[in-house]
Amino acid sequence: MRELIEELDGEVHIITLAEEYDAKRARYLIELAYTVIRFENKMVFDYLPSVLREIRNNFKPSEIWLVL
């Protein structure tokens, strides 16, 4: 089973220091074999079906039942 981390970012993540921290953390998690996907909070509220589709697309068909 694939390990997936979904991150939701608010406006604070626009700040360069926060972006650098996020990138460093994502690289670390990827080195640990996690898949990291990031969404802005606004995307979740305004385009939830697309966000859910993106999350689902990160799994093989045999794994999808685990995330529904």
C-alpha atoms as a PDB file:
ATOM      1  CA  MET A   1       0.000   0.000   0.000  1.00  0.00           C
ATOM      2  CA  ARG A   2       1.270   3.454  -0.901  1.00  0.00           C
ATOM      3  CA  GLU A   3       1.751   5.972   1.907  1.00  0.00           C
ATOM      4  CA  LEU A   4       0.207   9.278   0.887  1.00  0.00           C
ATOM      5  CA  ILE A   5       0.367  12.583   2.715  1.00  0.00           C
ATOM      6  CA  GLU A   6      -2.054  15.336   1.735  1.00  0.00           C
ATOM      7  CA  GLU A   7      -1.119  18.821   2.876  1.00  0.00           C
ATOM      8  CA  LEU A   8      -3.529  21.719   3.008  1.00  0.00           C
ATOM      9  CA  ASP A   9      -1.940  25.136   2.764  1.00  0.00           C
ATOM     10  CA  GLY A  10      -3.401  28.414   3.910  1.00  0.00           C
ATOM     11  CA  GLU A  11      -2.190  31.888   3.032  1.00  0.00           C
ATOM     12  CA  VAL A  12       0.757  31.629   5.438  1.00  0.00           C
ATOM     13  CA  HIS A  13       2.421  29.235   2.987  1.00  0.00           C
ATOM     14  CA  ILE A  14       2.816  32.040   0.469  1.00  0.00           C
ATOM     15  CA  ILE A  15       5.619  33.446   2.627  1.00  0.00           C
ATOM     16  CA  THR A  16       9.036  32.441   1.290  1.00  0.00           C
ATOM     17  CA  LEU A  17      10.243  31.074   4.630  1.00  0.00           C
ATOM     18  CA  ALA A  18       7.184  28.824   4.914  1.00  0.00           C
ATOM     19  CA  GLU A  19       7.620  27.661   1.318  1.00  0.00           C
ATOM     20  CA  GLU A  20      11.248  26.746   2.019  1.00  0.00           C
ATOM     21  CA  TYR A  21      10.253  24.826   5.142  1.00  0.00           C
ATOM     22  CA  ASP A  22       7.489  23.001   3.243  1.00  0.00           C
ATOM     23  CA  ALA A  23       9.901  22.043   0.449  1.00  0.00           C
ATOM     24  CA  LYS A  24      12.483  20.748   2.940  1.00  0.00           C
ATOM     25  CA  ARG A  25       9.857  18.717   4.801  1.00  0.00           C
ATOM     26  CA  ALA A  26       8.459  17.320   1.538  1.00  0.00           C
ATOM     27  CA  ARG A  27      11.937  16.222   0.401  1.00  0.00           C
ATOM     28  CA  TYR A  28      12.459  14.476   3.742  1.00  0.00           C
ATOM     29  CA  LEU A  29       9.116  12.674   3.521  1.00  0.00           C
ATOM     30  CA  ILE A  30       9.781  11.636  -0.073  1.00  0.00           C
ATOM     31  CA  GLU A  31      13.131  10.172   1.040  1.00  0.00           C
ATOM     32  CA  LEU A  32      11.113   8.071   3.509  1.00  0.00           C
ATOM     33  CA  ALA A  33       9.060   6.743   0.549  1.00  0.00           C
ATOM     34  CA  TYR A  34       5.962   8.870   1.168  1.00  0.00           C
ATOM     35  CA  THR A  35       4.089  10.570  -1.644  1.00  0.00           C
ATOM     36  CA  VAL A  36       3.271  14.181  -0.787  1.00  0.00           C
ATOM     37  CA  ILE A  37       0.567  16.155  -2.531  1.00  0.00           C
ATOM     38  CA  ARG A  38      -0.367  19.697  -1.597  1.00  0.00           C
ATOM     39  CA  PHE A  39      -3.565  21.660  -2.008  1.00  0.00           C
ATOM     40  CA  GLU A  40      -4.414  25.219  -1.136  1.00  0.00           C
ATOM     41  CA  ASN A  41      -7.309  25.453   1.310  1.00  0.00           C
ATOM     42  CA  LYS A  42      -9.269  27.411  -1.299  1.00  0.00           C
ATOM     43  CA  MET A  43      -8.995  24.476  -3.725  1.00  0.00           C
ATOM     44  CA  VAL A  44     -10.527  22.131  -1.160  1.00  0.00           C
ATOM     45  CA  PHE A  45     -13.440  24.452  -0.480  1.00  0.00           C
ATOM     46  CA  ASP A  46     -14.061  25.519  -4.084  1.00  0.00           C
ATOM     47  CA  TYR A  47     -13.108  22.394  -6.037  1.00  0.00           C
ATOM     48  CA  LEU A  48     -13.508  19.450  -3.667  1.00  0.00           C
ATOM     49  CA  PRO A  49     -14.410  16.889  -6.384  1.00  0.00           C
ATOM     50  CA  SER A  50     -11.171  17.716  -8.236  1.00  0.00           C
ATOM     51  CA  VAL A  51      -9.130  17.451  -5.055  1.00  0.00           C
ATOM     52  CA  LEU A  52     -10.660  14.067  -4.231  1.00  0.00           C
ATOM     53  CA  ARG A  53     -10.008  12.881  -7.785  1.00  0.00           C
ATOM     54  CA  GLU A  54      -6.347  13.922  -7.468  1.00  0.00           C
ATOM     55  CA  ILE A  55      -6.047  11.998  -4.210  1.00  0.00           C
ATOM     56  CA  ARG A  56      -7.715   8.930  -5.750  1.00  0.00           C
ATOM     57  CA  ASN A  57      -5.392   9.131  -8.773  1.00  0.00           C
ATOM     58  CA  ASN A  58      -2.435   8.546  -6.470  1.00  0.00           C
ATOM     59  CA  PHE A  59      -3.604   5.004  -5.735  1.00  0.00           C
ATOM     60  CA  LYS A  60      -3.750   1.841  -7.797  1.00  0.00           C
ATOM     61  CA  PRO A  61      -7.295   0.610  -8.514  1.00  0.00           C
ATOM     62  CA  SER A  62      -6.884  -2.220  -5.992  1.00  0.00           C
ATOM     63  CA  GLU A  63      -6.109   0.301  -3.245  1.00  0.00           C
ATOM     64  CA  ILE A  64      -8.961   2.754  -3.879  1.00  0.00           C
ATOM     65  CA  TRP A  65     -11.439   1.051  -1.569  1.00  0.00           C
ATOM     66  CA  LEU A  66      -9.117   1.941   1.295  1.00  0.00           C
ATOM     67  CA  VAL A  67      -9.530   5.694   0.739  1.00  0.00           C
ATOM     68  CA  LEU A  68     -13.241   5.950   0.043  1.00  0.00           C
END
